[in-house]
């Protein structure tokens, strides 16, 4: 399975916040680490739980997906 298919599967399975995980919560990009976008365009998805620093952030307009291992201090663009 290609990386894009794996990530697409991940987003399809992730629905609704729980007490332990953010799913589609607004990511504000207050430190402007990602390209500037209006508030609400970026959504964050925890990889395992809220305390895990690894997260996916998705640009809901363009479909671009970013990955962080340090709780948003730096990102790698993984899907365009």
C-alpha atoms as a PDB file:
ATOM      1  CA  UNK A   1       0.000   0.000   0.000  1.00  0.00           C
ATOM      2  CA  UNK A   2       1.460   3.384  -0.996  1.00  0.00           C
ATOM      3  CA  UNK A   3       2.040   6.010   1.706  1.00  0.00           C
ATOM      4  CA  UNK A   4      -0.822   8.181   0.412  1.00  0.00           C
ATOM      5  CA  UNK A   5      -3.233   5.239   0.617  1.00  0.00           C
ATOM      6  CA  UNK A   6      -2.109   4.519   4.187  1.00  0.00           C
ATOM      7  CA  UNK A   7      -2.617   8.132   5.215  1.00  0.00           C
ATOM      8  CA  UNK A   8      -5.995   8.321   3.467  1.00  0.00           C
ATOM      9  CA  UNK A   9      -7.043   5.167   5.337  1.00  0.00           C
ATOM     10  CA  UNK A  10      -5.871   6.760   8.598  1.00  0.00           C
ATOM     11  CA  UNK A  11      -8.019   9.871   8.068  1.00  0.00           C
ATOM     12  CA  UNK A  12     -11.066   7.827   7.057  1.00  0.00           C
ATOM     13  CA  UNK A  13     -10.838   5.709  10.231  1.00  0.00           C
ATOM     14  CA  UNK A  14     -10.240   8.672  12.537  1.00  0.00           C
ATOM     15  CA  UNK A  15     -13.608  10.155  13.412  1.00  0.00           C
ATOM     16  CA  UNK A  16     -14.601  12.207  16.437  1.00  0.00           C
ATOM     17  CA  UNK A  17     -12.549  13.476  19.363  1.00  0.00           C
ATOM     18  CA  UNK A  18     -12.274  11.300  22.438  1.00  0.00           C
ATOM     19  CA  UNK A  19     -10.958  12.116  25.904  1.00  0.00           C
ATOM     20  CA  UNK A  20      -7.595  10.680  24.824  1.00  0.00           C
ATOM     21  CA  UNK A  21      -7.249  11.789  21.194  1.00  0.00           C
ATOM     22  CA  UNK A  22      -7.783  14.844  18.998  1.00  0.00           C
ATOM     23  CA  UNK A  23      -9.362  13.987  15.684  1.00  0.00           C
ATOM     24  CA  UNK A  24      -9.836  16.932  13.360  1.00  0.00           C
ATOM     25  CA  UNK A  25      -9.390  19.569  16.063  1.00  0.00           C
ATOM     26  CA  UNK A  26      -8.428  23.010  14.714  1.00  0.00           C
ATOM     27  CA  UNK A  27      -4.662  23.517  14.573  1.00  0.00           C
ATOM     28  CA  UNK A  28      -4.009  27.247  14.924  1.00  0.00           C
ATOM     29  CA  UNK A  29      -0.406  27.402  13.603  1.00  0.00           C
ATOM     30  CA  UNK A  30       0.297  30.255  16.041  1.00  0.00           C
ATOM     31  CA  UNK A  31       4.071  29.941  15.579  1.00  0.00           C
ATOM     32  CA  UNK A  32       3.652  30.082  11.772  1.00  0.00           C
ATOM     33  CA  UNK A  33       5.641  26.876  11.312  1.00  0.00           C
ATOM     34  CA  UNK A  34       3.325  25.912   8.448  1.00  0.00           C
ATOM     35  CA  UNK A  35       2.367  28.216   5.558  1.00  0.00           C
ATOM     36  CA  UNK A  36      -0.044  30.964   6.654  1.00  0.00           C
ATOM     37  CA  UNK A  37      -3.685  29.953   6.238  1.00  0.00           C
ATOM     38  CA  UNK A  38      -6.932  31.201   7.810  1.00  0.00           C
ATOM     39  CA  UNK A  39      -7.763  29.735  11.224  1.00  0.00           C
ATOM     40  CA  UNK A  40      -9.782  26.566  10.781  1.00  0.00           C
ATOM     41  CA  UNK A  41      -8.074  25.365   7.596  1.00  0.00           C
ATOM     42  CA  UNK A  42      -5.526  23.221   9.448  1.00  0.00           C
ATOM     43  CA  UNK A  43      -6.829  20.252  11.434  1.00  0.00           C
ATOM     44  CA  UNK A  44      -4.740  18.061  13.736  1.00  0.00           C
ATOM     45  CA  UNK A  45      -4.914  14.325  14.223  1.00  0.00           C
ATOM     46  CA  UNK A  46      -3.079  12.596  17.075  1.00  0.00           C
ATOM     47  CA  UNK A  47      -1.165   9.495  16.060  1.00  0.00           C
ATOM     48  CA  UNK A  48      -1.910   7.604  19.278  1.00  0.00           C
ATOM     49  CA  UNK A  49      -3.126   9.959  22.028  1.00  0.00           C
ATOM     50  CA  UNK A  50      -3.047  13.603  23.170  1.00  0.00           C
ATOM     51  CA  UNK A  51       0.204  13.206  25.121  1.00  0.00           C
ATOM     52  CA  UNK A  52       2.056  11.716  22.133  1.00  0.00           C
ATOM     53  CA  UNK A  53       4.044  14.514  20.400  1.00  0.00           C
ATOM     54  CA  UNK A  54       3.512  12.882  16.973  1.00  0.00           C
ATOM     55  CA  UNK A  55       0.671  14.430  14.995  1.00  0.00           C
ATOM     56  CA  UNK A  56      -0.642  14.783  11.490  1.00  0.00           C
ATOM     57  CA  UNK A  57      -1.893  18.191  10.399  1.00  0.00           C
ATOM     58  CA  UNK A  58      -4.043  18.409   7.293  1.00  0.00           C
ATOM     59  CA  UNK A  59      -4.796  21.464   5.190  1.00  0.00           C
ATOM     60  CA  UNK A  60      -8.496  20.913   4.606  1.00  0.00           C
ATOM     61  CA  UNK A  61      -8.541  23.110   1.478  1.00  0.00           C
ATOM     62  CA  UNK A  62      -5.521  21.803  -0.419  1.00  0.00           C
ATOM     63  CA  UNK A  63      -5.360  18.293   1.062  1.00  0.00           C
ATOM     64  CA  UNK A  64      -1.678  18.739   2.006  1.00  0.00           C
ATOM     65  CA  UNK A  65      -0.656  16.651   5.018  1.00  0.00           C
ATOM     66  CA  UNK A  66       2.174  17.444   7.414  1.00  0.00           C
ATOM     67  CA  UNK A  67       3.737  15.259  10.102  1.00  0.00           C
ATOM     68  CA  UNK A  68       5.436  16.327  13.342  1.00  0.00           C
ATOM     69  CA  UNK A  69       7.324  14.296  15.916  1.00  0.00           C
ATOM     70  CA  UNK A  70       7.913  17.247  18.268  1.00  0.00           C
ATOM     71  CA  UNK A  71       4.389  18.505  18.954  1.00  0.00           C
ATOM     72  CA  UNK A  72       4.381  21.099  16.181  1.00  0.00           C
ATOM     73  CA  UNK A  73       7.829  22.668  16.523  1.00  0.00           C
ATOM     74  CA  UNK A  74       8.767  21.337  13.086  1.00  0.00           C
ATOM     75  CA  UNK A  75       6.898  19.594  10.272  1.00  0.00           C
ATOM     76  CA  UNK A  76       7.583  17.424   7.259  1.00  0.00           C
ATOM     77  CA  UNK A  77       5.171  17.651   4.333  1.00  0.00           C
ATOM     78  CA  UNK A  78       4.224  14.085   3.488  1.00  0.00           C
ATOM     79  CA  UNK A  79       1.340  14.488   1.027  1.00  0.00           C
ATOM     80  CA  UNK A  80       0.753  17.198  -1.571  1.00  0.00           C
END
